[in-house]
Every structure is written in C-alpha cells, then in structure tokens.
Amino acid sequence: MFGGKIKGNTAKKMRVSLQAECQNCFGLCCTALNIVASSDFAMNKAAGTPCLHLQADYSCHIHSSLREKGFKGCTVFDCLGAGQMVSQTTFKGQDWRKHPQIAENMFRVFPIMEQLYEMMAYLAEALSYEVSSSLAEKLHNQFEQLQHLTRQDADTLLAIDIMTYRMPINALLLETSEHIRHHLISKVSDAKTKRKYNYRGVDWVGKNFKGKDLTATDLRGAYLIAANLQNADLRGVDFIGADLRDADLSGANLSTSMFLTQMQINSAKGNHKTILPAHLKRPSHWND
C-alpha cells in the first residue's frame, strides 16, 4: 500500500485541505482566543470576547494596517483551516451572533480543532518524505484518525485529551526527522570537520549565524528570537516548535527545511532572496 511516501496529487491534496478560508469562518481567531497585550498585540482581550476591530461581516476593520497599529501577531496567525471546519462542519454554518446559545461551545472547540489541524499539517509533511513503508503507514493512519476526529460533534471534540494524540504523533515525527536528517548528514558530513547536529531546545536568542552552514541541524524547540540567520544554509533543518520571531532569514536557504510552518515564517524577517519550501508563502511584509 505504501511505497515510502504519499506521492503526487495525494500529498498535494492533503496540504491544500489545510489552508485557512477566512470568508467561511465566523471570526473565531478574533473572538475565541485570549490575547495579552505585548509587542505583538496592542491590547488585552479575553477569550470569547470579540476584538474591537471585528466588523459585523466578520472582516477586520484595520486589516490593511494591522502591523502599523500594533497587531503584528494577527498577521502571523494561521489556523490552517480549523476556523472554517468549526464554523461550517462542527456547527453546520450557524453564526454565533445569530445563535448565541452555541457561542461558548464554538469558542471552546476552536482551539482544540486548531491543534488537530496543526498535527495533521505536520503529518502531511512527513508523508511527503521518503521513509520506510511501515513508518509511512503509521503516519497515514494517524492522519486519517485525526481527520476523522475533526468531523465529530462539539461534545466529542470537547472531550478529547489532546496529549493522547500528541505524544505518539511526536514520536513518529521525530523518527521521520532523524531518518531524513541522518541520510542528509551522511552525504554532507566531512570526517575531518565533524560538527554537532543536535541543538534541540537551544537558546540562540539574538545570536549571529550569518552565512553559517547549519544543514540538517535539529533545532526542535529552539529559541531563535532575533537571531541573525542571513544567508545561512538551513536545508534539512528540523524547525518543529522553534521560536523564529524577528529572526532574520534574509538570503537564507530554507528550501528543504523540515516542519517549518507559515506562522513561523510570518513571525520572522526575510527578503526576496530567502528560499522557502514550495508549500510556504512569502509574507507580504518582508522587505524586497
């Protein structure tokens, strides 16, 4: 059934299904989530309270000037399609303003659905790599299990223990990462100049790695806030859970970086010379 990876149109369809359609969502990211005033958000907002800038049609009154007005975090966020799933499938297109009795449950379901979609996105990426048939089958089974969960009713979703899914999926993603990076390391490693490849959870806040070769490095959970990664070689780097806020990726090669998300890219700095994986979009706020 599995030849090592999910090929062609199947893998592409998996990723296409994990894209936000704000026009089919009832402003859930602007309402359901708790926001704390910071450099990313200009105000506090309690979970379940609509943002002051959310309009009657669920569009944003200051959408074109969010960053200038102190709402940089809004331009970073990506629900991957969880919003429209909750709005159109879980609650069958019912608007929480017109049906206030469902509002509380809708707002509670959204962050759960968001986490399910995040895990599905990682699994979809893992399935695009050349791995063993047995690993590919395990990844695919987990993807289908999560996909089935996303179609359940609100009560079922609210009863989910997310950690029971996160832990086995994390193990599979780690196995995928180690397999792919080991293969890459074996091709690029120089026996005379062996370097360390495991920097999981490292604190590199503000560090300068301009022009450095970090190929196949494990940067899972690393703190890379405001790090200088200009012109760095980041191919094959595992970025799962890494904090890239304000990291400078100008001219960096991320073409084959692993588990790099749109939210991470949106939170970083870059330019037209930054090479991104094909499935990620260049943020409109990046300098040319």
C-alpha atoms as a PDB file:
ATOM      1  CA  MET A   1       0.000   0.000   0.000  1.00  0.00           C
ATOM      2  CA  PHE A   2       2.829   2.377   0.846  1.00  0.00           C
ATOM      3  CA  GLY A   3       5.973   2.807  -1.233  1.00  0.00           C
ATOM      4  CA  GLY A   4       7.822   5.063   1.217  1.00  0.00           C
ATOM      5  CA  LYS A   5       5.820   8.248   0.839  1.00  0.00           C
ATOM      6  CA  ILE A   6       2.458   9.541  -0.290  1.00  0.00           C
ATOM      7  CA  LYS A   7       3.143  10.745  -3.800  1.00  0.00           C
ATOM      8  CA  GLY A   8       1.948  13.381  -6.209  1.00  0.00           C
ATOM      9  CA  ASN A   9      -1.640  14.571  -6.075  1.00  0.00           C
ATOM     10  CA  THR A  10      -2.442  12.792  -2.790  1.00  0.00           C
ATOM     11  CA  ALA A  11       0.235  14.633  -0.806  1.00  0.00           C
ATOM     12  CA  LYS A  12      -0.699  17.889  -2.518  1.00  0.00           C
ATOM     13  CA  LYS A  13      -4.393  17.450  -1.694  1.00  0.00           C
ATOM     14  CA  MET A  14      -3.518  16.849   1.957  1.00  0.00           C
ATOM     15  CA  ARG A  15      -1.750  20.198   2.151  1.00  0.00           C
ATOM     16  CA  VAL A  16      -4.354  22.083   0.116  1.00  0.00           C
ATOM     17  CA  SER A  17      -7.003  20.913   2.582  1.00  0.00           C
ATOM     18  CA  LEU A  18      -5.026  22.598   5.376  1.00  0.00           C
ATOM     19  CA  GLN A  19      -5.450  26.212   4.310  1.00  0.00           C
ATOM     20  CA  ALA A  20      -7.489  28.898   6.038  1.00  0.00           C
ATOM     21  CA  GLU A  21     -10.578  30.276   4.285  1.00  0.00           C
ATOM     22  CA  CYS A  22     -11.413  33.337   6.376  1.00  0.00           C
ATOM     23  CA  GLN A  23     -14.521  34.067   4.319  1.00  0.00           C
ATOM     24  CA  ASN A  24     -16.010  30.788   5.589  1.00  0.00           C
ATOM     25  CA  CYS A  25     -15.213  31.428   9.247  1.00  0.00           C
ATOM     26  CA  PHE A  26     -17.113  33.486  11.798  1.00  0.00           C
ATOM     27  CA  GLY A  27     -14.069  35.426  13.003  1.00  0.00           C
ATOM     28  CA  LEU A  28     -13.110  32.729  15.501  1.00  0.00           C
ATOM     29  CA  CYS A  29      -9.439  33.707  15.767  1.00  0.00           C
ATOM     30  CA  CYS A  30     -10.602  37.269  16.519  1.00  0.00           C
ATOM     31  CA  THR A  31     -13.039  36.103  19.191  1.00  0.00           C
ATOM     32  CA  ALA A  32     -12.293  32.712  20.732  1.00  0.00           C
ATOM     33  CA  LEU A  33      -8.659  33.254  21.720  1.00  0.00           C
ATOM     34  CA  ASN A  34      -7.214  35.009  24.763  1.00  0.00           C
ATOM     35  CA  ILE A  35      -4.859  37.863  23.853  1.00  0.00           C
ATOM     36  CA  VAL A  36      -2.350  39.527  26.166  1.00  0.00           C
ATOM     37  CA  ALA A  37      -1.039  42.995  25.340  1.00  0.00           C
ATOM     38  CA  SER A  38       2.546  42.768  24.067  1.00  0.00           C
ATOM     39  CA  SER A  39       4.765  43.814  21.197  1.00  0.00           C
ATOM     40  CA  ASP A  40       2.553  41.565  19.044  1.00  0.00           C
ATOM     41  CA  PHE A  41      -0.839  42.825  20.260  1.00  0.00           C
ATOM     42  CA  ALA A  42      -1.819  46.367  21.167  1.00  0.00           C
ATOM     43  CA  MET A  43      -4.428  45.364  23.755  1.00  0.00           C
ATOM     44  CA  ASN A  44      -5.696  42.696  26.130  1.00  0.00           C
ATOM     45  CA  LYS A  45      -8.677  40.624  25.003  1.00  0.00           C
ATOM     46  CA  ALA A  46     -10.352  37.863  26.971  1.00  0.00           C
ATOM     47  CA  ALA A  47     -11.188  34.536  25.317  1.00  0.00           C
ATOM     48  CA  GLY A  48     -14.741  34.624  23.954  1.00  0.00           C
ATOM     49  CA  THR A  49     -14.750  38.411  23.604  1.00  0.00           C
ATOM     50  CA  PRO A  50     -14.777  39.800  20.041  1.00  0.00           C
ATOM     51  CA  CYS A  51     -11.892  42.061  19.054  1.00  0.00           C
ATOM     52  CA  LEU A  52     -12.894  45.731  18.909  1.00  0.00           C
ATOM     53  CA  HIS A  53     -11.929  45.767  15.227  1.00  0.00           C
ATOM     54  CA  LEU A  54     -14.110  42.792  14.214  1.00  0.00           C
ATOM     55  CA  GLN A  55     -16.911  44.017  11.956  1.00  0.00           C
ATOM     56  CA  ALA A  56     -20.453  42.722  11.533  1.00  0.00           C
ATOM     57  CA  ASP A  57     -19.457  40.681   8.469  1.00  0.00           C
ATOM     58  CA  TYR A  58     -16.524  39.167  10.433  1.00  0.00           C
ATOM     59  CA  SER A  59     -13.893  41.078   8.486  1.00  0.00           C
ATOM     60  CA  CYS A  60     -11.224  43.183  10.198  1.00  0.00           C
ATOM     61  CA  HIS A  61     -11.661  46.957  10.195  1.00  0.00           C
ATOM     62  CA  ILE A  62      -7.865  47.536  10.250  1.00  0.00           C
ATOM     63  CA  HIS A  63      -6.765  44.524   8.197  1.00  0.00           C
ATOM     64  CA  SER A  64      -4.626  46.587   5.821  1.00  0.00           C
ATOM     65  CA  SER A  65      -2.732  48.300   8.655  1.00  0.00           C
ATOM     66  CA  LEU A  66      -2.540  45.660  11.392  1.00  0.00           C
ATOM     67  CA  ARG A  67       1.246  45.789  11.805  1.00  0.00           C
ATOM     68  CA  GLU A  68       1.344  49.590  11.861  1.00  0.00           C
ATOM     69  CA  LYS A  69      -1.337  49.682  14.558  1.00  0.00           C
ATOM     70  CA  GLY A  70       0.429  47.213  16.857  1.00  0.00           C
ATOM     71  CA  PHE A  71      -1.290  43.960  15.851  1.00  0.00           C
ATOM     72  CA  LYS A  72       1.675  42.160  14.321  1.00  0.00           C
ATOM     73  CA  GLY A  73       0.501  38.911  15.910  1.00  0.00           C
ATOM     74  CA  CYS A  74      -2.652  38.943  13.808  1.00  0.00           C
ATOM     75  CA  THR A  75      -0.578  38.903  10.607  1.00  0.00           C
ATOM     76  CA  VAL A  76       1.366  35.906  11.909  1.00  0.00           C
ATOM     77  CA  PHE A  77      -1.539  33.656  12.919  1.00  0.00           C
ATOM     78  CA  ASP A  78      -2.651  30.782  10.683  1.00  0.00           C
ATOM     79  CA  CYS A  79      -5.394  28.356  11.768  1.00  0.00           C
ATOM     80  CA  LEU A  80      -4.703  26.066   8.768  1.00  0.00           C
ATOM     81  CA  GLY A  81      -8.436  25.749   8.119  1.00  0.00           C
ATOM     82  CA  ALA A  82      -9.610  24.941  11.637  1.00  0.00           C
ATOM     83  CA  GLY A  83     -11.815  28.038  11.654  1.00  0.00           C
ATOM     84  CA  GLN A  84     -13.952  27.120   8.674  1.00  0.00           C
ATOM     85  CA  MET A  85     -14.150  23.495   9.863  1.00  0.00           C
ATOM     86  CA  VAL A  86     -15.628  24.578  13.193  1.00  0.00           C
ATOM     87  CA  SER A  87     -17.900  27.148  11.544  1.00  0.00           C
ATOM     88  CA  GLN A  88     -19.190  25.147   8.602  1.00  0.00           C
ATOM     89  CA  THR A  89     -18.969  21.495   9.723  1.00  0.00           C
ATOM     90  CA  THR A  90     -18.987  21.211  13.523  1.00  0.00           C
ATOM     91  CA  PHE A  91     -21.688  23.876  13.898  1.00  0.00           C
ATOM     92  CA  LYS A  92     -23.226  23.407  10.435  1.00  0.00           C
ATOM     93  CA  GLY A  93     -22.861  27.019   9.306  1.00  0.00           C
ATOM     94  CA  GLN A  94     -24.554  28.523  12.349  1.00  0.00           C
ATOM     95  CA  ASP A  95     -23.398  32.057  13.108  1.00  0.00           C
ATOM     96  CA  TRP A  96     -22.596  32.564  16.828  1.00  0.00           C
ATOM     97  CA  ARG A  97     -24.073  36.076  16.698  1.00  0.00           C
ATOM     98  CA  LYS A  98     -27.385  34.849  15.334  1.00  0.00           C
ATOM     99  CA  HIS A  99     -27.302  31.748  17.555  1.00  0.00           C
ATOM    100  CA  PRO A 100     -25.745  32.954  20.830  1.00  0.00           C
ATOM    101  CA  GLN A 101     -26.605  29.667  22.569  1.00  0.00           C
ATOM    102  CA  ILE A 102     -23.789  27.938  20.649  1.00  0.00           C
ATOM    103  CA  ALA A 103     -21.179  30.663  21.127  1.00  0.00           C
ATOM    104  CA  GLU A 104     -19.470  29.307  24.246  1.00  0.00           C
ATOM    105  CA  ASN A 105     -19.051  25.788  22.857  1.00  0.00           C
ATOM    106  CA  MET A 106     -17.908  27.108  19.480  1.00  0.00           C
ATOM    107  CA  PHE A 107     -15.215  29.207  21.130  1.00  0.00           C
ATOM    108  CA  ARG A 108     -14.072  26.242  23.248  1.00  0.00           C
ATOM    109  CA  VAL A 109     -13.962  23.865  20.265  1.00  0.00           C
ATOM    110  CA  PHE A 110     -11.882  26.199  18.077  1.00  0.00           C
ATOM    111  CA  PRO A 111      -8.516  25.862  19.916  1.00  0.00           C
ATOM    112  CA  ILE A 112      -8.993  22.072  20.034  1.00  0.00           C
ATOM    113  CA  MET A 113      -9.653  21.943  16.291  1.00  0.00           C
ATOM    114  CA  GLU A 114      -6.669  24.222  15.744  1.00  0.00           C
ATOM    115  CA  GLN A 115      -4.391  21.719  17.489  1.00  0.00           C
ATOM    116  CA  LEU A 116      -5.803  18.824  15.471  1.00  0.00           C
ATOM    117  CA  TYR A 117      -5.119  20.722  12.256  1.00  0.00           C
ATOM    118  CA  GLU A 118      -1.592  21.578  13.383  1.00  0.00           C
ATOM    119  CA  MET A 119      -0.823  17.888  13.928  1.00  0.00           C
ATOM    120  CA  MET A 120      -2.406  17.000  10.582  1.00  0.00           C
ATOM    121  CA  ALA A 121      -0.174  19.540   8.834  1.00  0.00           C
ATOM    122  CA  TYR A 122       2.957  18.016  10.351  1.00  0.00           C
ATOM    123  CA  LEU A 123       1.808  14.516   9.389  1.00  0.00           C
ATOM    124  CA  ALA A 124       1.023  15.628   5.831  1.00  0.00           C
ATOM    125  CA  GLU A 125       4.558  16.978   5.507  1.00  0.00           C
ATOM    126  CA  ALA A 126       6.091  13.818   6.978  1.00  0.00           C
ATOM    127  CA  LEU A 127       4.173  11.781   4.406  1.00  0.00           C
ATOM    128  CA  SER A 128       5.830  13.745   1.594  1.00  0.00           C
ATOM    129  CA  TYR A 129       9.273  12.340   2.520  1.00  0.00           C
ATOM    130  CA  GLU A 130      10.912   9.083   1.515  1.00  0.00           C
ATOM    131  CA  VAL A 131      10.564   6.911   4.616  1.00  0.00           C
ATOM    132  CA  SER A 132      10.047   3.211   5.221  1.00  0.00           C
ATOM    133  CA  SER A 133       6.725   1.699   4.229  1.00  0.00           C
ATOM    134  CA  SER A 134       5.961   0.834   7.846  1.00  0.00           C
ATOM    135  CA  LEU A 135       6.584   4.407   9.021  1.00  0.00           C
ATOM    136  CA  ALA A 136       4.556   5.821   6.130  1.00  0.00           C
ATOM    137  CA  GLU A 137       1.649   3.574   7.071  1.00  0.00           C
ATOM    138  CA  LYS A 138       1.788   4.692  10.717  1.00  0.00           C
ATOM    139  CA  LEU A 139       1.868   8.348   9.676  1.00  0.00           C
ATOM    140  CA  HIS A 140      -1.050   7.855   7.302  1.00  0.00           C
ATOM    141  CA  ASN A 141      -3.109   6.043   9.929  1.00  0.00           C
ATOM    142  CA  GLN A 142      -2.563   8.891  12.383  1.00  0.00           C
ATOM    143  CA  PHE A 143      -3.555  11.437   9.737  1.00  0.00           C
ATOM    144  CA  GLU A 144      -6.790   9.569   8.976  1.00  0.00           C
ATOM    145  CA  GLN A 145      -7.567   9.228  12.688  1.00  0.00           C
ATOM    146  CA  LEU A 146      -7.210  12.988  13.207  1.00  0.00           C
ATOM    147  CA  GLN A 147      -9.203  13.717  10.067  1.00  0.00           C
ATOM    148  CA  HIS A 148     -11.995  11.510  11.429  1.00  0.00           C
ATOM    149  CA  LEU A 149     -11.908  13.394  14.746  1.00  0.00           C
ATOM    150  CA  THR A 150     -12.292  16.764  13.021  1.00  0.00           C
ATOM    151  CA  ARG A 151     -15.681  15.627  11.664  1.00  0.00           C
ATOM    152  CA  GLN A 152     -17.117  14.777  15.095  1.00  0.00           C
ATOM    153  CA  ASP A 153     -19.673  16.832  17.012  1.00  0.00           C
ATOM    154  CA  ALA A 154     -18.808  19.517  19.556  1.00  0.00           C
ATOM    155  CA  ASP A 155     -19.279  17.310  22.626  1.00  0.00           C
ATOM    156  CA  THR A 156     -16.894  14.676  21.245  1.00  0.00           C
ATOM    157  CA  LEU A 157     -14.301  17.300  20.384  1.00  0.00           C
ATOM    158  CA  LEU A 158     -14.540  18.927  23.813  1.00  0.00           C
ATOM    159  CA  ALA A 159     -13.911  15.551  25.471  1.00  0.00           C
ATOM    160  CA  ILE A 160     -10.650  14.946  23.580  1.00  0.00           C
ATOM    161  CA  ASP A 161      -7.418  14.554  25.546  1.00  0.00           C
ATOM    162  CA  ILE A 162      -5.030  16.177  23.071  1.00  0.00           C
ATOM    163  CA  MET A 163      -1.913  14.724  24.711  1.00  0.00           C
ATOM    164  CA  THR A 164      -3.004  11.165  23.930  1.00  0.00           C
ATOM    165  CA  TYR A 165      -2.612  12.116  20.263  1.00  0.00           C
ATOM    166  CA  ARG A 166       0.340  14.484  20.521  1.00  0.00           C
ATOM    167  CA  MET A 167       2.695  12.004  22.161  1.00  0.00           C
ATOM    168  CA  PRO A 168       2.558   9.163  19.581  1.00  0.00           C
ATOM    169  CA  ILE A 169       2.497  11.657  16.703  1.00  0.00           C
ATOM    170  CA  ASN A 170       5.532  13.474  18.101  1.00  0.00           C
ATOM    171  CA  ALA A 171       7.388  10.145  18.252  1.00  0.00           C
ATOM    172  CA  LEU A 172       6.584   9.472  14.587  1.00  0.00           C
ATOM    173  CA  LEU A 173       7.624  12.970  13.528  1.00  0.00           C
ATOM    174  CA  LEU A 174      10.893  12.613  15.430  1.00  0.00           C
ATOM    175  CA  GLU A 175      11.527   9.271  13.732  1.00  0.00           C
ATOM    176  CA  THR A 176      10.847  10.901  10.358  1.00  0.00           C
ATOM    177  CA  SER A 177      13.169  13.809  11.129  1.00  0.00           C
ATOM    178  CA  GLU A 178      16.023  11.588  12.285  1.00  0.00           C
ATOM    179  CA  HIS A 179      15.710   9.355   9.229  1.00  0.00           C
ATOM    180  CA  ILE A 180      15.759  12.241   6.736  1.00  0.00           C
ATOM    181  CA  ARG A 181      18.472  14.228   8.507  1.00  0.00           C
ATOM    182  CA  HIS A 182      20.698  11.168   9.028  1.00  0.00           C
ATOM    183  CA  HIS A 183      20.556  10.484   5.298  1.00  0.00           C
ATOM    184  CA  LEU A 184      21.477  14.114   4.565  1.00  0.00           C
ATOM    185  CA  ILE A 185      24.256  14.191   7.184  1.00  0.00           C
ATOM    186  CA  SER A 186      25.813  11.059   5.692  1.00  0.00           C
ATOM    187  CA  LYS A 187      26.094  12.899   2.375  1.00  0.00           C
ATOM    188  CA  VAL A 188      27.428  16.257   3.604  1.00  0.00           C
ATOM    189  CA  SER A 189      29.438  15.374   6.732  1.00  0.00           C
ATOM    190  CA  ASP A 190      33.189  15.757   6.488  1.00  0.00           C
ATOM    191  CA  ALA A 191      35.039  13.256   8.685  1.00  0.00           C
ATOM    192  CA  LYS A 192      37.809  15.812   9.327  1.00  0.00           C
ATOM    193  CA  THR A 193      35.489  18.572  10.450  1.00  0.00           C
ATOM    194  CA  LYS A 194      32.654  16.802  12.244  1.00  0.00           C
ATOM    195  CA  ARG A 195      30.212  19.199  13.851  1.00  0.00           C
ATOM    196  CA  LYS A 196      27.361  18.883  16.280  1.00  0.00           C
ATOM    197  CA  TYR A 197      23.921  18.480  14.745  1.00  0.00           C
ATOM    198  CA  ASN A 198      21.686  18.259  17.817  1.00  0.00           C
ATOM    199  CA  TYR A 199      20.760  21.669  19.240  1.00  0.00           C
ATOM    200  CA  ARG A 200      17.268  20.787  20.384  1.00  0.00           C
ATOM    201  CA  GLY A 201      15.815  23.484  22.675  1.00  0.00           C
ATOM    202  CA  VAL A 202      18.946  25.643  22.444  1.00  0.00           C
ATOM    203  CA  ASP A 203      18.831  29.318  23.459  1.00  0.00           C
ATOM    204  CA  TRP A 204      20.187  31.233  20.467  1.00  0.00           C
ATOM    205  CA  VAL A 205      18.257  34.440  21.099  1.00  0.00           C
ATOM    206  CA  GLY A 206      19.968  37.264  19.226  1.00  0.00           C
ATOM    207  CA  LYS A 207      22.905  35.062  18.156  1.00  0.00           C
ATOM    208  CA  ASN A 208      24.798  35.709  14.925  1.00  0.00           C
ATOM    209  CA  PHE A 209      24.867  32.818  12.442  1.00  0.00           C
ATOM    210  CA  LYS A 210      25.179  34.894   9.290  1.00  0.00           C
ATOM    211  CA  GLY A 211      26.358  32.724   6.417  1.00  0.00           C
ATOM    212  CA  LYS A 212      26.722  29.616   8.610  1.00  0.00           C
ATOM    213  CA  ASP A 213      26.171  26.080   7.355  1.00  0.00           C
ATOM    214  CA  LEU A 214      23.503  24.590   9.646  1.00  0.00           C
ATOM    215  CA  THR A 215      22.426  21.869   7.223  1.00  0.00           C
ATOM    216  CA  ALA A 216      20.434  19.022   8.846  1.00  0.00           C
ATOM    217  CA  THR A 217      20.643  20.539  12.340  1.00  0.00           C
ATOM    218  CA  ASP A 218      17.975  19.575  14.881  1.00  0.00           C
ATOM    219  CA  LEU A 219      16.546  22.895  16.129  1.00  0.00           C
ATOM    220  CA  ARG A 220      13.344  21.473  17.622  1.00  0.00           C
ATOM    221  CA  GLY A 221      12.017  23.871  20.243  1.00  0.00           C
ATOM    222  CA  ALA A 222      14.998  26.212  19.821  1.00  0.00           C
ATOM    223  CA  TYR A 223      14.792  29.876  20.841  1.00  0.00           C
ATOM    224  CA  LEU A 224      15.876  31.809  17.744  1.00  0.00           C
ATOM    225  CA  ILE A 225      14.235  35.138  18.558  1.00  0.00           C
ATOM    226  CA  ALA A 226      16.008  37.968  16.674  1.00  0.00           C
ATOM    227  CA  ALA A 227      18.815  35.596  15.626  1.00  0.00           C
ATOM    228  CA  ASN A 228      20.825  36.631  12.571  1.00  0.00           C
ATOM    229  CA  LEU A 229      20.429  33.808  10.057  1.00  0.00           C
ATOM    230  CA  GLN A 230      21.130  35.885   6.964  1.00  0.00           C
ATOM    231  CA  ASN A 231      22.451  33.785   4.068  1.00  0.00           C
ATOM    232  CA  ALA A 232      22.590  30.705   6.308  1.00  0.00           C
ATOM    233  CA  ASP A 233      22.226  27.223   4.831  1.00  0.00           C
ATOM    234  CA  LEU A 234      19.170  25.819   6.629  1.00  0.00           C
ATOM    235  CA  ARG A 235      18.382  22.917   4.332  1.00  0.00           C
ATOM    236  CA  GLY A 236      17.188  19.837   6.179  1.00  0.00           C
ATOM    237  CA  VAL A 237      16.920  21.714   9.490  1.00  0.00           C
ATOM    238  CA  ASP A 238      14.134  20.472  11.794  1.00  0.00           C
ATOM    239  CA  PHE A 239      12.314  23.615  12.988  1.00  0.00           C
ATOM    240  CA  ILE A 240       9.377  21.999  14.775  1.00  0.00           C
ATOM    241  CA  GLY A 241       8.368  24.219  17.704  1.00  0.00           C
ATOM    242  CA  ALA A 242      11.254  26.666  17.163  1.00  0.00           C
ATOM    243  CA  ASP A 243      10.629  30.332  18.001  1.00  0.00           C
ATOM    244  CA  LEU A 244      11.612  32.397  14.947  1.00  0.00           C
ATOM    245  CA  ARG A 245      10.104  35.737  15.978  1.00  0.00           C
ATOM    246  CA  ASP A 246      12.107  38.537  14.346  1.00  0.00           C
ATOM    247  CA  ALA A 247      14.833  36.104  13.242  1.00  0.00           C
ATOM    248  CA  ASP A 248      16.483  37.496  10.106  1.00  0.00           C
ATOM    249  CA  LEU A 249      16.207  34.936   7.295  1.00  0.00           C
ATOM    250  CA  SER A 250      17.260  37.312   4.510  1.00  0.00           C
ATOM    251  CA  GLY A 251      19.022  35.311   1.812  1.00  0.00           C
ATOM    252  CA  ALA A 252      18.786  32.074   3.816  1.00  0.00           C
ATOM    253  CA  ASN A 253      18.193  28.746   2.093  1.00  0.00           C
ATOM    254  CA  LEU A 254      15.226  27.001   3.717  1.00  0.00           C
ATOM    255  CA  SER A 255      14.234  25.100   0.583  1.00  0.00           C
ATOM    256  CA  THR A 256      14.185  21.705   2.292  1.00  0.00           C
ATOM    257  CA  SER A 257      13.764  22.768   5.921  1.00  0.00           C
ATOM    258  CA  MET A 258      11.586  20.358   7.875  1.00  0.00           C
ATOM    259  CA  PHE A 259       8.370  21.063   9.797  1.00  0.00           C
ATOM    260  CA  LEU A 260       8.638  24.796   9.164  1.00  0.00           C
ATOM    261  CA  THR A 261       5.222  26.447   9.406  1.00  0.00           C
ATOM    262  CA  GLN A 262       3.664  29.504   7.799  1.00  0.00           C
ATOM    263  CA  MET A 263       3.260  31.036  11.262  1.00  0.00           C
ATOM    264  CA  GLN A 264       6.993  30.703  11.931  1.00  0.00           C
ATOM    265  CA  ILE A 265       7.809  32.322   8.590  1.00  0.00           C
ATOM    266  CA  ASN A 266       5.246  35.067   9.169  1.00  0.00           C
ATOM    267  CA  SER A 267       6.888  35.890  12.502  1.00  0.00           C
ATOM    268  CA  ALA A 268      10.382  36.147  11.013  1.00  0.00           C
ATOM    269  CA  LYS A 269      12.120  38.664   8.755  1.00  0.00           C
ATOM    270  CA  GLY A 270      13.248  37.913   5.225  1.00  0.00           C
ATOM    271  CA  ASN A 271      13.576  39.206   1.677  1.00  0.00           C
ATOM    272  CA  HIS A 272      13.227  38.149  -1.968  1.00  0.00           C
ATOM    273  CA  LYS A 273      16.474  36.166  -1.721  1.00  0.00           C
ATOM    274  CA  THR A 274      15.124  33.924   1.035  1.00  0.00           C
ATOM    275  CA  ILE A 275      14.457  30.476  -0.423  1.00  0.00           C
ATOM    276  CA  LEU A 276      11.358  28.907   1.136  1.00  0.00           C
ATOM    277  CA  PRO A 277       9.889  25.396   0.874  1.00  0.00           C
ATOM    278  CA  ALA A 278       7.422  25.226  -2.028  1.00  0.00           C
ATOM    279  CA  HIS A 279       4.356  24.904   0.229  1.00  0.00           C
ATOM    280  CA  LEU A 280       5.035  28.138   2.160  1.00  0.00           C
ATOM    281  CA  LYS A 281       4.164  31.663   1.018  1.00  0.00           C
ATOM    282  CA  ARG A 282       6.461  34.677   1.183  1.00  0.00           C
ATOM    283  CA  PRO A 283       4.952  37.118   3.729  1.00  0.00           C
ATOM    284  CA  SER A 284       3.774  40.412   2.242  1.00  0.00           C
ATOM    285  CA  HIS A 285       5.535  42.384   4.992  1.00  0.00           C
ATOM    286  CA  TRP A 286       9.012  41.065   4.086  1.00  0.00           C
ATOM    287  CA  ASN A 287      11.339  43.644   2.615  1.00  0.00           C
ATOM    288  CA  ASP A 288      12.428  43.281  -1.004  1.00  0.00           C
END
